[in-house]
């Protein structure tokens, strides 16, 4: 018996572990491990848990139709996984385990422990690259080291992709008669562990839905992506991040679809489609960094010297930011959108992260954890990379001079205040001329239903730069 262990790769198509397990003869079974305690320790958002489990339900039905049973195990923490998996292998007569590699340090340690435990009962483990177009360690400098700077990584990544190419693995064909599948909602132990398994209608699951979104984006928005991607009131992005984070679609599928749409693979900013491809390369870069520097998974900064920065941990200021009551409309709209929908536009992520770290001088770790606790697309590599980039502690050439002005960011990327009015209901009736600096207008109207700015940005900006300059003394 061969067993395929699904993790953040909840798809049939382009799943190397599943494809290789199904390549030969003999029975194949599948496994997904539900770890509620571990998920909570990793700050996994409830909306992401429900989205993931809804996809597990969909995957279970699809595998059953192929004659492949999906086993579900509830194992509270990673430390308990090796023993539980060894027991399952004994019970089912498993001789080979197939899985796609994890990149996070806790998950890597779990997988090493699993390999050791299964080796004791002669179960061989086969690991594959299912999360990156090019696996970590493939894109190297001239001296054979992994990159720590994005621009040369991007050039080398594009070159390596041209030289090496990549393969899209087809979904397996049926391996026997269709099997029954019991929906997760009917399993009492799942409900007891995780509560009601409701699916947010904004985020339908399924590989077909992920491909539908990808195709719509490629047909309608990819050519204008460079001009529209920063405007949250415009449907200018792919909105694929939840599907990539759960592995419902692979980055290879995205690159292949882009190339098919354009008829070529873009190589520079001058070519249509390159800006979106470069976003996929950023995703790859952060995942490669997580493998190169395991301490990124341990709340440590990319730039070690920035650990000495005198960050604030002010709980009241942090709560004000979380709740979207800062008095800066674009920041508040973004946070309220996150709290309601579980998703935030990428430009807004940069704005609110800069505000927390550079205006409030609050430690980026608090913001990183809060995002993970709310985002449907929470992904350690991308989330950590984005927060450290914004905070000035990450992989960037001259980080601490970058301090976003939240007012001018709003004026530039939500010029008519459409996004702001959607989420900051107190400002729904304000004229566009005042929406980004509403306080004088509100005072003239005798209104006090929207808070005053909690900090003076000009003063806060100077303080942020001084914080970083102090490290040079």
Protein backbone atom coordinates (compact mmCIF):
# COMPACT_ATOMS: atom_id res chain seq x y z
CA UNK A 1 0.00 0.00 0.00
CA UNK A 2 1.21 3.49 -0.91
CA UNK A 3 0.01 6.42 1.20
CA UNK A 4 -0.11 10.04 -0.02
CA UNK A 5 0.03 12.57 2.81
CA UNK A 6 -1.70 15.82 1.82
CA UNK A 7 -0.75 19.05 3.62
CA UNK A 8 -0.78 22.49 1.94
CA UNK A 9 -1.19 20.84 -1.47
CA UNK A 10 -4.90 20.06 -1.53
CA UNK A 11 -5.26 19.32 -5.23
CA UNK A 12 -5.24 16.48 -7.73
CA UNK A 13 -3.58 18.31 -10.63
CA UNK A 14 0.13 19.15 -10.55
CA UNK A 15 0.65 17.27 -7.31
CA UNK A 16 4.03 15.50 -7.63
CA UNK A 17 3.56 13.29 -4.58
CA UNK A 18 0.16 12.08 -5.74
CA UNK A 19 1.32 11.64 -9.33
CA UNK A 20 4.35 9.54 -8.36
CA UNK A 21 2.35 7.41 -5.94
CA UNK A 22 -0.15 6.64 -8.69
CA UNK A 23 2.49 5.98 -11.35
CA UNK A 24 2.84 2.25 -10.65
CA UNK A 25 0.61 -0.62 -9.73
CA UNK A 26 -0.80 -1.44 -6.33
CA UNK A 27 -3.32 0.22 -4.05
CA UNK A 28 -3.03 3.91 -3.12
CA UNK A 29 -4.61 5.66 -0.16
CA UNK A 30 -4.45 9.27 1.01
CA UNK A 31 -4.19 11.05 4.35
CA UNK A 32 -4.91 14.45 5.85
CA UNK A 33 -4.00 15.23 9.48
CA UNK A 34 -6.13 17.68 11.42
CA UNK A 35 -4.08 19.36 14.19
CA UNK A 36 -6.27 21.93 15.98
CA UNK A 37 -3.88 22.67 18.85
CA UNK A 38 -0.90 23.07 16.53
CA UNK A 39 -2.93 25.31 14.21
CA UNK A 40 -3.83 27.56 17.13
CA UNK A 41 -0.18 27.72 18.21
CA UNK A 42 0.70 28.81 14.66
CA UNK A 43 -2.01 31.52 14.83
CA UNK A 44 -3.91 29.96 11.95
CA UNK A 45 -7.02 32.04 11.26
CA UNK A 46 -10.37 30.31 11.84
CA UNK A 47 -11.47 31.37 8.36
CA UNK A 48 -8.39 29.70 6.91
CA UNK A 49 -9.06 26.52 8.89
CA UNK A 50 -12.64 26.38 7.60
CA UNK A 51 -11.50 27.09 4.02
CA UNK A 52 -8.86 24.37 4.23
CA UNK A 53 -11.23 21.80 5.70
CA UNK A 54 -13.87 22.61 3.09
CA UNK A 55 -11.23 21.87 0.47
CA UNK A 56 -10.30 18.63 2.27
CA UNK A 57 -13.96 17.66 2.01
CA UNK A 58 -13.93 18.43 -1.73
CA UNK A 59 -10.65 16.56 -2.15
CA UNK A 60 -12.02 13.54 -0.29
CA UNK A 61 -14.97 13.33 -2.68
CA UNK A 62 -12.74 13.65 -5.73
CA UNK A 63 -10.29 11.02 -4.48
CA UNK A 64 -13.17 8.67 -3.63
CA UNK A 65 -14.43 9.02 -7.20
CA UNK A 66 -10.99 7.82 -8.34
CA UNK A 67 -11.07 4.84 -6.00
CA UNK A 68 -8.58 6.38 -3.56
CA UNK A 69 -9.75 6.53 0.08
CA UNK A 70 -8.80 9.62 2.11
CA UNK A 71 -8.06 8.89 5.76
CA UNK A 72 -8.51 11.66 8.31
CA UNK A 73 -6.54 11.69 11.55
CA UNK A 74 -6.99 14.14 14.38
CA UNK A 75 -3.57 14.62 15.97
CA UNK A 76 -3.40 17.68 18.21
CA UNK A 77 0.27 18.63 17.77
CA UNK A 78 3.13 17.89 15.40
CA UNK A 79 4.97 16.06 18.17
CA UNK A 80 2.28 13.36 18.13
CA UNK A 81 2.26 12.91 14.36
CA UNK A 82 5.11 10.35 13.97
CA UNK A 83 3.52 7.82 16.33
CA UNK A 84 0.03 8.34 14.91
CA UNK A 85 1.27 7.99 11.35
CA UNK A 86 3.30 4.89 12.22
CA UNK A 87 0.17 3.31 13.72
CA UNK A 88 -1.87 4.09 10.62
CA UNK A 89 0.82 2.59 8.39
CA UNK A 90 0.79 -0.61 10.44
CA UNK A 91 -2.98 -0.85 10.38
CA UNK A 92 -3.26 -0.23 6.64
CA UNK A 93 -0.20 -2.19 5.54
CA UNK A 94 1.53 0.89 4.15
CA UNK A 95 5.01 0.29 2.75
CA UNK A 96 5.65 3.67 1.09
CA UNK A 97 4.78 7.24 2.08
CA UNK A 98 4.59 10.03 -0.51
CA UNK A 99 4.41 13.72 0.38
CA UNK A 100 5.42 17.15 -0.89
CA UNK A 101 8.12 18.86 1.16
CA UNK A 102 7.37 21.49 3.78
CA UNK A 103 9.55 24.60 4.09
CA UNK A 104 8.69 25.84 7.61
CA UNK A 105 10.99 24.75 10.43
CA UNK A 106 8.37 23.09 12.67
CA UNK A 107 6.98 21.20 9.71
CA UNK A 108 10.46 20.13 8.59
CA UNK A 109 11.23 18.82 12.07
CA UNK A 110 7.93 16.93 12.08
CA UNK A 111 8.74 15.38 8.71
CA UNK A 112 12.23 14.34 9.79
CA UNK A 113 10.71 12.66 12.85
CA UNK A 114 8.16 10.91 10.64
CA UNK A 115 10.91 9.59 8.36
CA UNK A 116 12.80 8.22 11.35
CA UNK A 117 9.72 6.61 12.90
CA UNK A 118 8.62 4.97 9.64
CA UNK A 119 12.13 3.74 8.85
CA UNK A 120 11.90 1.58 11.97
CA UNK A 121 9.05 -0.37 10.39
CA UNK A 122 10.55 -0.43 6.87
CA UNK A 123 8.25 2.21 5.39
CA UNK A 124 10.13 4.27 2.81
CA UNK A 125 9.42 8.00 2.52
CA UNK A 126 9.44 9.88 -0.79
CA UNK A 127 9.49 13.69 -0.73
CA UNK A 128 8.81 16.05 -3.65
CA UNK A 129 8.73 19.75 -4.47
CA UNK A 130 5.10 20.76 -4.63
CA UNK A 131 5.16 24.33 -3.34
CA UNK A 132 7.58 26.15 -5.66
CA UNK A 133 8.13 26.37 -9.39
CA UNK A 134 11.83 25.82 -8.76
CA UNK A 135 12.75 24.05 -5.51
CA UNK A 136 14.75 25.82 -2.79
CA UNK A 137 18.43 25.26 -3.49
CA UNK A 138 18.00 25.24 -7.26
CA UNK A 139 18.51 29.01 -7.79
CA UNK A 140 22.07 29.83 -6.72
CA UNK A 141 24.65 32.59 -6.99
CA UNK A 142 27.83 32.19 -9.01
CA UNK A 143 29.55 30.97 -5.83
CA UNK A 144 26.91 28.30 -5.28
CA UNK A 145 25.00 29.99 -2.47
CA UNK A 146 21.31 30.82 -2.16
CA UNK A 147 20.33 34.43 -2.81
CA UNK A 148 19.48 36.92 -0.08
CA UNK A 149 18.56 39.82 -2.39
CA UNK A 150 15.50 39.74 -4.61
CA UNK A 151 16.58 41.39 -7.88
CA UNK A 152 19.51 39.05 -8.64
CA UNK A 153 17.36 36.13 -7.43
CA UNK A 154 14.66 37.13 -9.92
CA UNK A 155 17.13 37.27 -12.81
CA UNK A 156 18.64 33.92 -11.87
CA UNK A 157 15.19 32.38 -11.35
CA UNK A 158 14.05 33.43 -14.83
CA UNK A 159 17.25 32.11 -16.36
CA UNK A 160 17.00 28.80 -14.52
CA UNK A 161 13.39 28.43 -15.60
CA UNK A 162 14.37 28.94 -19.24
CA UNK A 163 17.18 26.40 -18.96
CA UNK A 164 15.32 23.79 -16.95
CA UNK A 165 11.65 24.31 -17.68
CA UNK A 166 9.04 22.57 -15.56
CA UNK A 167 6.42 19.86 -15.80
CA UNK A 168 2.73 20.13 -14.95
CA UNK A 169 1.66 16.80 -13.47
CA UNK A 170 -1.72 15.58 -14.62
CA UNK A 171 -4.37 14.49 -12.16
CA UNK A 172 -4.39 10.70 -11.72
CA UNK A 173 -6.83 8.49 -13.58
CA UNK A 174 -9.30 6.24 -11.69
CA UNK A 175 -7.64 3.36 -9.88
CA UNK A 176 -10.75 1.37 -9.13
CA UNK A 177 -14.43 1.66 -8.44
CA UNK A 178 -15.81 4.80 -6.88
CA UNK A 179 -15.83 4.78 -3.08
CA UNK A 180 -18.26 6.35 -0.60
CA UNK A 181 -17.29 9.60 1.16
CA UNK A 182 -18.67 10.79 4.47
CA UNK A 183 -18.75 14.61 4.55
CA UNK A 184 -16.77 16.26 7.33
CA UNK A 185 -19.87 18.00 8.62
CA UNK A 186 -21.29 14.58 9.51
CA UNK A 187 -18.25 13.57 11.55
CA UNK A 188 -18.82 14.45 15.18
CA UNK A 189 -15.17 14.45 16.19
CA UNK A 190 -14.34 17.04 13.53
CA UNK A 191 -17.19 19.30 14.67
CA UNK A 192 -16.15 18.97 18.31
CA UNK A 193 -12.59 19.95 17.44
CA UNK A 194 -13.28 22.85 15.12
CA UNK A 195 -16.85 24.03 15.50
CA UNK A 196 -19.32 24.51 12.67
CA UNK A 197 -17.70 23.91 9.30
CA UNK A 198 -19.32 26.78 7.44
CA UNK A 199 -17.90 27.96 4.10
CA UNK A 200 -17.65 31.70 3.44
CA UNK A 201 -19.52 32.30 0.15
CA UNK A 202 -16.84 34.81 -0.84
CA UNK A 203 -14.34 31.95 -1.03
CA UNK A 204 -15.75 28.87 -2.81
CA UNK A 205 -13.39 25.91 -2.70
CA UNK A 206 -12.31 23.56 -5.46
CA UNK A 207 -9.68 23.33 -8.14
CA UNK A 208 -12.25 24.34 -10.75
CA UNK A 209 -12.92 27.58 -8.85
CA UNK A 210 -9.20 28.36 -8.60
CA UNK A 211 -8.74 27.79 -12.34
CA UNK A 212 -11.84 29.87 -13.08
CA UNK A 213 -10.40 32.80 -11.14
CA UNK A 214 -7.03 32.39 -12.82
CA UNK A 215 -8.57 32.33 -16.29
CA UNK A 216 -10.77 35.37 -15.65
CA UNK A 217 -7.76 37.30 -14.39
CA UNK A 218 -5.63 36.31 -17.37
CA UNK A 219 -8.39 37.22 -19.83
CA UNK A 220 -9.51 40.47 -18.23
CA UNK A 221 -6.81 41.98 -16.03
CA UNK A 222 -3.29 40.63 -16.48
CA UNK A 223 -2.34 43.02 -19.30
CA UNK A 224 -3.27 46.03 -17.16
CA UNK A 225 -2.02 44.52 -13.91
CA UNK A 226 0.97 46.85 -13.65
CA UNK A 227 -1.33 49.89 -13.73
CA UNK A 228 -4.30 48.59 -11.69
CA UNK A 229 -2.83 46.27 -9.06
CA UNK A 230 -2.34 49.00 -6.42
CA UNK A 231 -5.94 50.29 -6.42
CA UNK A 232 -8.07 48.36 -3.91
CA UNK A 233 -11.37 49.67 -5.32
CA UNK A 234 -10.54 48.09 -8.71
CA UNK A 235 -10.73 44.37 -9.43
CA UNK A 236 -7.17 44.42 -10.74
CA UNK A 237 -5.62 41.42 -8.95
CA UNK A 238 -6.03 37.67 -9.34
CA UNK A 239 -7.37 37.08 -5.78
CA UNK A 240 -5.69 33.67 -5.97
CA UNK A 241 -3.68 33.92 -2.75
CA UNK A 242 -6.05 31.75 -0.63
CA UNK A 243 -5.93 29.04 -3.29
CA UNK A 244 -2.14 29.18 -3.55
CA UNK A 245 -1.76 29.12 0.25
CA UNK A 246 -3.91 26.00 0.56
CA UNK A 247 -2.33 24.43 -2.49
CA UNK A 248 -5.63 24.24 -4.40
CA UNK A 249 -3.68 25.57 -7.36
CA UNK A 250 0.09 25.44 -7.85
CA UNK A 251 2.46 28.25 -8.86
CA UNK A 252 3.52 26.10 -11.82
CA UNK A 253 -0.06 26.08 -13.07
CA UNK A 254 -0.11 29.87 -12.79
CA UNK A 255 3.12 30.31 -14.76
CA UNK A 256 2.00 27.82 -17.41
CA UNK A 257 -1.39 29.53 -17.81
CA UNK A 258 0.27 32.94 -18.12
CA UNK A 259 2.61 31.64 -20.79
CA UNK A 260 -0.28 30.05 -22.67
CA UNK A 261 -2.30 33.28 -22.49
CA UNK A 262 0.55 35.45 -23.80
CA UNK A 263 2.21 32.99 -26.13
CA UNK A 264 5.54 33.61 -24.40
CA UNK A 265 7.06 33.86 -20.94
CA UNK A 266 7.76 37.55 -20.15
CA UNK A 267 11.35 38.36 -19.23
CA UNK A 268 11.33 42.08 -18.41
CA UNK A 269 9.09 44.90 -17.20
CA UNK A 270 8.69 46.07 -20.79
CA UNK A 271 6.69 42.94 -21.62
CA UNK A 272 3.00 42.59 -20.68
CA UNK A 273 2.41 40.07 -17.95
CA UNK A 274 5.84 40.44 -16.36
CA UNK A 275 4.64 42.41 -13.33
CA UNK A 276 2.32 39.57 -12.28
CA UNK A 277 4.98 36.94 -13.00
CA UNK A 278 7.35 38.94 -10.80
CA UNK A 279 4.84 38.69 -7.95
CA UNK A 280 5.03 34.91 -8.28
CA UNK A 281 8.83 35.21 -8.19
CA UNK A 282 8.56 37.23 -4.96
CA UNK A 283 6.52 34.36 -3.54
CA UNK A 284 9.27 31.95 -4.56
CA UNK A 285 11.97 34.20 -3.08
CA UNK A 286 10.35 34.32 0.35
CA UNK A 287 9.90 30.56 0.36
CA UNK A 288 13.54 29.99 -0.59
CA UNK A 289 14.61 32.41 2.17
CA UNK A 290 12.62 30.44 4.74
CA UNK A 291 14.65 27.35 3.86
CA UNK A 292 17.95 29.23 3.76
CA UNK A 293 17.36 31.02 7.08
CA UNK A 294 15.33 28.78 9.45
CA UNK A 295 15.36 31.46 12.16
CA UNK A 296 12.81 33.39 10.07
CA UNK A 297 10.36 30.74 11.29
CA UNK A 298 11.37 31.55 14.87
CA UNK A 299 10.37 35.22 15.15
CA UNK A 300 13.88 36.43 14.35
CA UNK A 301 14.64 39.29 11.92
CA UNK A 302 16.36 38.73 8.60
CA UNK A 303 18.86 41.45 9.55
CA UNK A 304 20.21 40.29 12.90
CA UNK A 305 21.28 43.76 14.02
CA UNK A 306 17.68 44.98 13.94
CA UNK A 307 16.85 42.71 16.89
CA UNK A 308 18.19 45.58 19.02
CA UNK A 309 15.57 48.07 17.81
CA UNK A 310 13.54 49.56 20.69
CA UNK A 311 10.12 48.48 19.42
CA UNK A 312 6.98 49.34 21.34
CA UNK A 313 4.58 46.68 22.61
CA UNK A 314 1.84 49.16 23.57
CA UNK A 315 -1.35 47.04 23.84
CA UNK A 316 -3.75 49.97 23.59
CA UNK A 317 -2.14 51.40 20.45
CA UNK A 318 -1.99 47.92 18.94
CA UNK A 319 -5.69 47.34 19.65
CA UNK A 320 -6.55 50.66 18.02
CA UNK A 321 -4.71 49.58 14.88
CA UNK A 322 -6.33 46.13 14.91
CA UNK A 323 -9.81 47.59 15.17
CA UNK A 324 -9.33 50.22 12.47
CA UNK A 325 -9.69 53.27 14.74
CA UNK A 326 -6.39 55.05 13.96
CA UNK A 327 -7.94 58.18 12.44
CA UNK A 328 -6.21 57.52 9.12
CA UNK A 329 -9.01 56.49 6.72
CA UNK A 330 -7.07 54.20 4.38
CA UNK A 331 -5.52 52.34 7.33
CA UNK A 332 -8.86 51.96 9.08
CA UNK A 333 -10.66 50.83 5.92
CA UNK A 334 -8.00 48.19 5.27
CA UNK A 335 -8.14 46.80 8.81
CA UNK A 336 -11.92 46.68 8.88
CA UNK A 337 -11.92 44.91 5.53
CA UNK A 338 -9.48 42.33 6.92
CA UNK A 339 -11.52 41.79 10.07
CA UNK A 340 -14.70 41.25 8.06
CA UNK A 341 -13.54 39.31 5.01
CA UNK A 342 -10.29 37.59 6.03
CA UNK A 343 -8.45 39.15 3.10
CA UNK A 344 -6.58 42.36 2.35
CA UNK A 345 -5.33 43.89 -0.89
CA UNK A 346 -1.52 43.78 -1.15
CA UNK A 347 -1.04 47.56 -1.38
CA UNK A 348 -3.11 47.91 1.78
CA UNK A 349 -0.99 45.29 3.53
CA UNK A 350 2.06 47.46 2.89
CA UNK A 351 0.28 50.60 4.08
CA UNK A 352 -1.00 49.17 7.36
CA UNK A 353 2.27 47.35 8.07
CA UNK A 354 4.23 50.55 7.56
CA UNK A 355 1.81 52.41 9.82
CA UNK A 356 2.12 49.89 12.65
CA UNK A 357 5.92 49.72 12.52
CA UNK A 358 6.95 53.17 11.32
CA UNK A 359 4.17 55.39 12.75
CA UNK A 360 3.34 53.49 15.94
CA UNK A 361 6.81 51.88 16.24
CA UNK A 362 5.17 48.63 17.33
CA UNK A 363 7.06 45.39 16.81
CA UNK A 364 6.38 43.76 13.47
CA UNK A 365 5.88 40.41 15.17
CA UNK A 366 2.57 41.62 16.61
CA UNK A 367 1.37 42.62 13.17
CA UNK A 368 2.62 39.41 11.60
CA UNK A 369 0.76 37.32 14.17
CA UNK A 370 -2.40 39.39 13.82
CA UNK A 371 -2.42 38.92 10.06
CA UNK A 372 -1.98 35.16 10.47
CA UNK A 373 -4.85 35.08 12.95
CA UNK A 374 -7.20 36.79 10.45
CA UNK A 375 -6.06 36.01 6.89
CA UNK A 376 -7.65 33.30 4.79
CA UNK A 377 -4.41 33.24 2.77
CA UNK A 378 -2.08 33.19 5.78
CA UNK A 379 1.28 31.82 4.63
CA UNK A 380 4.34 32.05 6.87
CA UNK A 381 6.87 32.76 4.12
CA UNK A 382 4.90 35.51 2.36
CA UNK A 383 3.53 37.02 5.57
CA UNK A 384 6.88 37.12 7.34
CA UNK A 385 8.63 38.41 4.23
CA UNK A 386 6.09 41.18 3.74
CA UNK A 387 6.12 42.30 7.35
CA UNK A 388 9.90 42.35 7.61
CA UNK A 389 10.09 44.26 4.30
CA UNK A 390 7.70 46.88 5.67
CA UNK A 391 9.39 47.04 9.06
CA UNK A 392 12.87 47.51 7.62
CA UNK A 393 14.25 44.32 9.15
CA UNK A 394 13.99 42.13 6.06
CA UNK A 395 15.57 41.47 2.68
CA UNK A 396 15.79 44.96 1.22
CA UNK A 397 18.62 47.28 0.27
CA UNK A 398 17.72 50.56 2.07
CA UNK A 399 14.72 49.76 4.22
CA UNK A 400 14.48 52.30 6.99
CA UNK A 401 14.13 55.32 4.69
CA UNK A 402 10.89 53.86 3.36
CA UNK A 403 8.10 55.22 5.54
CA UNK A 404 4.72 55.30 3.86
CA UNK A 405 2.65 58.42 4.41
CA UNK A 406 -0.82 56.94 5.03
CA UNK A 407 -2.62 60.07 3.82
CA UNK A 408 -0.80 60.38 0.50
CA UNK A 409 -0.99 56.62 -0.01
CA UNK A 410 -4.76 56.88 0.28
CA UNK A 411 -4.89 59.87 -2.05
CA UNK A 412 -2.80 58.07 -4.63
CA UNK A 413 -4.39 54.62 -4.57
CA UNK A 414 -7.99 55.37 -3.54
CA UNK A 415 -8.29 58.88 -5.01
CA UNK A 416 -12.10 59.14 -4.85
CA UNK A 417 -12.31 57.30 -1.54
CA UNK A 418 -14.44 54.46 -2.93
CA UNK A 419 -12.68 51.80 -0.88
CA UNK A 420 -12.63 53.98 2.23
CA UNK A 421 -16.36 54.71 2.06
CA UNK A 422 -17.11 51.01 1.69
CA UNK A 423 -15.44 50.07 4.95
CA UNK A 424 -15.40 53.23 7.10
CA UNK A 425 -19.13 53.77 7.29
CA UNK A 426 -18.73 56.98 9.32
CA UNK A 427 -17.29 58.54 6.16
CA UNK A 428 -19.84 57.15 3.70
CA UNK A 429 -21.32 60.59 3.00
CA UNK A 430 -18.14 62.67 3.02
CA UNK A 431 -17.15 64.53 -0.18
CA UNK A 432 -14.20 63.08 -2.09
CA UNK A 433 -12.19 66.24 -1.48
CA UNK A 434 -12.15 65.54 2.27
CA UNK A 435 -12.22 61.75 2.47
CA UNK A 436 -8.48 61.34 3.14
CA UNK A 437 -8.31 64.14 5.72
CA UNK A 438 -11.86 64.22 7.03
CA UNK A 439 -11.44 65.84 10.43
CA UNK A 440 -11.95 69.51 9.51
CA UNK A 441 -15.07 68.64 7.53
CA UNK A 442 -16.43 66.53 10.38
CA UNK A 443 -15.84 69.36 12.87
CA UNK A 444 -17.72 71.80 10.62
CA UNK A 445 -20.63 69.36 10.63
CA UNK A 446 -20.45 69.02 14.40
CA UNK A 447 -19.66 65.32 14.15
CA UNK A 448 -17.41 63.28 16.42
CA UNK A 449 -18.13 59.80 15.10
CA UNK A 450 -14.67 59.23 13.56
CA UNK A 451 -11.49 59.35 15.67
CA UNK A 452 -8.78 61.97 15.37
CA UNK A 453 -5.38 60.78 14.08
CA UNK A 454 -3.74 58.80 16.86
CA UNK A 455 -0.26 60.06 15.89
CA UNK A 456 1.29 62.90 13.91
CA UNK A 457 2.78 61.13 10.89
CA UNK A 458 5.54 63.71 10.34
CA UNK A 459 6.77 63.35 13.92
CA UNK A 460 6.42 59.55 13.88
CA UNK A 461 8.39 59.30 10.64
CA UNK A 462 11.36 61.16 12.12
CA UNK A 463 11.30 58.91 15.18
CA UNK A 464 11.24 55.77 13.01
CA UNK A 465 14.29 56.87 11.04
CA UNK A 466 16.11 57.78 14.25
CA UNK A 467 15.43 54.29 15.61
CA UNK A 468 17.26 52.72 12.70
CA UNK A 469 20.07 55.26 12.60
CA UNK A 470 20.79 54.53 16.25
CA UNK A 471 21.86 51.02 15.18
CA UNK A 472 24.75 52.54 13.22
CA UNK A 473 26.28 54.26 16.25
